[in-house]
Protein backbone atom coordinates (compact mmCIF):
# COMPACT_ATOMS: atom_id res chain seq x y z
CA MET A 1 -8.23 30.03 10.72
CA HIS A 2 -9.04 27.52 13.42
CA ASP A 3 -9.31 28.65 17.44
CA GLY A 4 -7.25 27.25 20.00
CA LEU A 5 -10.09 24.87 21.22
CA GLY A 6 -10.42 23.42 17.78
CA ILE A 7 -6.75 22.70 17.39
CA SER A 8 -6.56 21.03 20.68
CA GLN A 9 -9.65 18.71 19.87
CA ARG A 10 -8.10 17.64 16.68
CA LYS A 11 -4.93 16.76 18.40
CA ILE A 12 -6.72 14.78 21.15
CA ARG A 13 -8.61 12.76 18.54
CA PHE A 14 -5.56 12.25 16.39
CA ILE A 15 -3.39 11.15 19.66
CA THR A 16 -6.31 8.78 20.59
CA VAL A 17 -6.26 7.29 16.99
CA ILE A 18 -2.36 6.92 16.82
CA LEU A 19 -2.43 5.21 20.20
CA GLN A 20 -4.94 2.71 19.13
CA VAL A 21 -3.14 1.91 15.89
CA PHE A 22 0.23 1.43 17.40
CA SER A 23 -1.14 -0.73 20.33
CA SER A 24 -3.29 -2.64 17.77
CA TYR A 25 -0.26 -3.53 15.58
CA ARG A 26 2.04 -4.15 18.74
CA TYR A 27 1.85 -7.89 18.43
CA CYS A 28 0.99 -8.46 15.12
CA PHE A 29 4.61 -8.48 13.58
CA SER A 30 6.36 -11.64 12.82
CA ASP A 31 8.57 -11.41 15.87
CA GLY A 32 6.14 -9.87 18.42
CA GLY A 33 7.79 -6.46 18.17
CA GLY A 34 6.18 -3.05 17.59
CA ALA A 35 5.86 -0.90 14.67
CA ALA A 36 8.43 1.74 15.70
CA ASP A 37 10.91 -1.25 16.09
CA LYS A 38 10.46 -2.36 12.78
CA ILE A 39 10.51 1.23 11.27
CA ARG A 40 13.80 1.55 12.92
CA LEU A 41 15.28 -1.21 10.93
CA ILE A 42 14.39 0.66 7.53
CA PRO A 43 17.05 2.94 6.04
CA GLN A 44 16.08 6.37 5.77
CA ASP A 45 15.97 6.34 1.92
CA PHE A 46 13.82 3.18 1.70
CA PHE A 47 11.39 4.66 4.29
CA ALA A 48 11.21 7.94 2.46
CA GLU A 49 10.56 5.84 -0.76
CA LEU A 50 7.66 4.23 1.06
CA CYS A 51 6.18 7.23 2.28
CA GLU A 52 6.26 9.00 -1.00
CA GLN A 53 4.37 6.09 -2.57
CA ILE A 54 1.88 6.28 0.20
CA ILE A 55 1.31 9.70 -0.50
CA GLN A 56 1.20 9.49 -4.14
CA HIS A 57 -1.52 6.61 -3.62
CA LEU A 58 -3.72 8.84 -1.35
CA ASN A 59 -3.44 11.58 -3.99
CA HIS A 60 -4.61 9.14 -6.78
CA LYS A 61 -1.28 9.47 -8.45
CA ILE A 62 -0.60 5.72 -8.50
CA PRO A 63 -2.97 2.71 -7.92
CA GLY A 64 -1.07 1.51 -4.80
CA VAL A 65 2.23 0.75 -2.98
CA ASN A 66 4.37 -1.99 -4.59
CA THR A 67 5.49 -3.42 -1.18
CA ALA A 68 6.89 -6.51 -2.67
CA GLU A 69 9.27 -4.67 -4.80
CA LEU A 70 10.36 -2.52 -2.32
CA CYS A 71 10.82 -5.09 0.26
CA GLN A 72 13.17 -7.15 -1.99
CA ARG A 73 15.30 -4.27 -2.45
CA ILE A 74 15.49 -3.51 1.34
CA GLN A 75 16.39 -7.18 1.81
CA THR A 76 19.07 -6.96 -0.74
CA SER A 77 20.51 -4.01 0.99
CA GLY A 78 21.15 -6.32 4.03
CA VAL A 79 18.05 -5.41 6.23
CA GLU A 80 16.05 -8.49 7.44
CA ILE A 81 12.38 -7.80 7.24
CA ASN A 82 9.67 -9.66 5.75
CA ILE A 83 6.88 -8.45 3.22
CA GLY A 84 4.20 -8.99 5.73
CA ASP A 85 5.73 -6.77 8.12
CA LEU A 86 6.38 -4.13 5.63
CA ALA A 87 2.86 -4.13 4.43
CA LYS A 88 1.70 -3.64 7.93
CA ILE A 89 3.94 -0.61 8.36
CA ALA A 90 2.47 0.65 4.92
CA ASN A 91 -1.05 0.20 6.40
CA ILE A 92 -0.11 2.23 9.45
CA LEU A 93 1.50 5.05 7.58
CA SER A 94 -1.40 5.23 5.27
CA PHE A 95 -3.71 5.60 8.02
CA LEU A 96 -1.52 8.03 9.73
CA PHE A 97 -1.58 10.21 6.68
CA SER A 98 -5.16 9.94 5.89
CA THR A 99 -6.37 10.54 9.67
CA ALA A 100 -3.98 13.62 9.72
CA ALA A 101 -5.74 14.92 6.54
CA ARG A 102 -9.07 14.34 7.92
CA ASN A 103 -8.15 16.24 10.92
CA ASN A 104 -6.56 19.19 8.81
CA LEU A 105 -3.30 18.82 10.91
CA SER A 106 -0.36 21.21 9.86
CA THR A 107 3.07 19.89 9.73
CA ASP A 108 4.15 21.09 13.15
CA GLU A 109 0.80 19.66 14.71
CA LEU A 110 1.29 16.44 13.03
CA VAL A 111 4.94 15.92 14.32
CA THR A 112 4.00 17.47 17.89
CA THR A 113 1.23 15.10 18.43
CA LEU A 114 3.06 12.15 17.07
CA GLY A 115 5.66 12.82 20.02
CA SER A 116 2.66 13.31 22.39
CA ALA A 117 1.20 9.94 21.41
CA GLY A 118 4.27 8.42 22.79
CA SER A 119 4.79 6.46 19.34
CA THR A 120 8.64 6.28 20.05
CA LEU A 121 9.23 6.75 16.19
CA PRO A 122 12.83 6.93 15.29
CA LYS A 123 14.52 10.27 14.43
CA HIS A 124 14.87 9.45 10.70
CA ALA A 125 11.27 8.41 10.26
CA VAL A 126 9.87 11.45 12.15
CA GLN A 127 12.05 13.72 9.51
CA VAL A 128 10.57 11.90 6.69
CA ILE A 129 7.02 12.28 7.69
CA ARG A 130 7.75 15.87 8.50
CA HIS A 131 9.15 16.36 4.93
CA VAL A 132 6.44 14.67 2.92
CA TRP A 133 3.49 16.04 4.89
CA ASN A 134 4.95 19.44 4.37
CA GLU A 135 5.45 19.15 0.85
CA GLN A 136 2.15 17.34 -0.05
CA GLY A 137 -0.13 16.98 2.92
CA LYS A 138 -2.59 19.74 1.77
CA ALA A 139 -3.15 17.80 -1.41
CA ILE A 140 -4.21 14.61 0.58
CA ALA A 141 -6.60 16.69 2.53
CA VAL A 142 -8.37 17.69 -0.67
CA SER A 143 -8.63 14.20 -2.19
CA GLU A 144 -9.37 12.32 1.04
CA ASP A 145 -13.08 12.76 0.76
CA ALA A 146 -13.13 11.21 -2.70
CA ARG A 147 -10.83 8.34 -1.80
CA SER A 148 -13.04 7.41 1.24
CA MET A 149 -15.66 6.28 -1.20
CA ALA A 150 -13.26 3.76 -2.73
CA THR A 151 -14.39 0.30 -1.79
CA VAL A 152 -12.95 -1.94 -4.51
CA GLY A 153 -9.52 -2.74 -6.01
CA GLN A 154 -7.88 -1.26 -9.18
CA PHE A 155 -6.46 -3.01 -11.88
CA VAL A 156 -2.73 -2.41 -12.38
CA ASP A 157 -1.36 -4.69 -15.03
CA LEU A 158 -1.90 -7.99 -17.07
CA LYS A 159 0.72 -10.37 -18.11
CA TRP A 160 0.45 -13.76 -20.07
CA LYS A 161 2.78 -16.46 -21.30
CA LEU A 162 2.37 -19.67 -23.06
CA GLY A 163 3.57 -22.76 -21.59
CA VAL A 164 3.61 -26.48 -22.41
CA ALA A 165 3.20 -29.25 -19.80
CA MET A 166 5.75 -31.90 -20.75
CA SER A 167 4.50 -34.65 -18.50
CA SER A 168 2.46 -35.78 -15.65
CA ASP A 169 2.15 -38.44 -12.94
CA THR A 170 -0.25 -40.51 -15.37
CA CYS A 171 1.38 -39.50 -18.80
CA ARG A 172 5.04 -39.35 -19.62
CA SER A 173 4.80 -37.47 -22.84
CA LEU A 174 1.95 -34.80 -22.34
CA LYS A 175 2.86 -31.94 -24.35
CA TYR A 176 -0.30 -30.06 -23.14
CA PRO A 177 -0.28 -26.27 -24.00
CA TYR A 178 -1.70 -23.80 -21.25
CA VAL A 179 -1.59 -20.09 -20.65
CA THR A 180 -0.38 -18.51 -17.36
CA VAL A 181 -2.17 -15.07 -16.63
CA THR A 182 -0.83 -12.77 -14.05
CA LEU A 183 -3.17 -9.86 -12.87
CA THR A 184 -1.49 -7.21 -10.93
CA VAL A 185 -4.07 -5.43 -8.68
CA ALA A 186 -4.21 -2.77 -5.93
CA ASP A 187 -6.60 -3.48 -3.21
CA PRO A 188 -8.46 -0.52 -1.38
CA SER A 189 -5.89 -0.14 1.22
CA GLY A 190 -3.31 0.48 -1.65
CA GLN A 191 -1.37 -2.72 -1.33
CA ILE A 192 -0.30 -4.03 -4.86
CA THR A 193 -0.44 -7.91 -5.36
CA ASP A 194 -0.12 -10.44 -8.18
CA LYS A 195 -2.81 -13.03 -8.75
CA SER A 196 -1.67 -15.87 -11.23
CA PHE A 197 -3.81 -18.57 -12.74
CA GLU A 198 -3.60 -21.11 -15.71
CA MET A 199 -5.94 -21.49 -18.28
CA THR A 200 -6.47 -24.21 -21.20
CA ILE A 201 -6.22 -22.60 -24.63
CA PRO A 202 -9.89 -22.65 -25.32
CA GLN A 203 -10.43 -21.01 -21.93
CA PHE A 204 -7.91 -18.17 -22.97
CA LYS A 205 -9.62 -17.84 -26.32
CA ASN A 206 -12.85 -17.26 -24.52
CA PHE A 207 -11.24 -14.86 -22.08
CA PHE A 208 -9.76 -12.83 -25.08
CA ARG A 209 -13.26 -12.74 -26.88
CA GLN A 210 -14.86 -11.29 -23.88
CA PHE A 211 -12.33 -8.45 -23.75
CA LYS A 212 -13.00 -8.05 -27.52
CA GLU A 213 -16.67 -7.78 -26.67
CA MET A 214 -16.12 -5.12 -23.76
CA ALA A 215 -13.73 -2.92 -26.26
CA SER A 216 -16.69 -2.94 -28.69
CA VAL A 217 -19.14 -1.94 -26.09
CA LEU A 218 -17.03 0.81 -24.91
CA GLU A 219 -16.56 2.10 -28.58
CA THR A 220 -20.46 2.76 -28.50
CA VAL A 221 -20.35 4.83 -25.09
């Protein structure tokens, strides 16, 4: 059990951090608006899904937050928001939850200090934050120390497809085969991105051979 002074100190630290975060992101959005303004645009069900993905990522249940896919669905629903702004909101929320975990804030303390910080979050956002923190906040606190050690990204998926270049500026009938590889990775902050590149057939065969060599080595471990 924490004494009153301890709780007060944690609240002060948390309020200071949240004020800094909302201030630093104030003019980083595409239209110069603030974080609360952008969050206000997001329907409650999509905001809840975003928070759930962030919580799951902090709990090491998923490799990252798929902001690209979520942004596309939000746009399809008629809300105008770009992926860059949604990614910044995800980073703010991730920092909010992880900082609250490090300060061992209860649900009521989190909601109260958000109000004290003058973050002007919309009511539906506060309700969602209250719900997800009440349900899964303790688990984040347990895993936060391990997460703080992560400094590299995480592999999510690999896809490839074979293509044929039919022509070029210098050759009208090229018919040159190539392989397009798409790597899906989650960076240390939890953002999921796709990295695509092309390889010649010999390059792809060498790429495949190296994977076979790694698999052979792993079998001996």
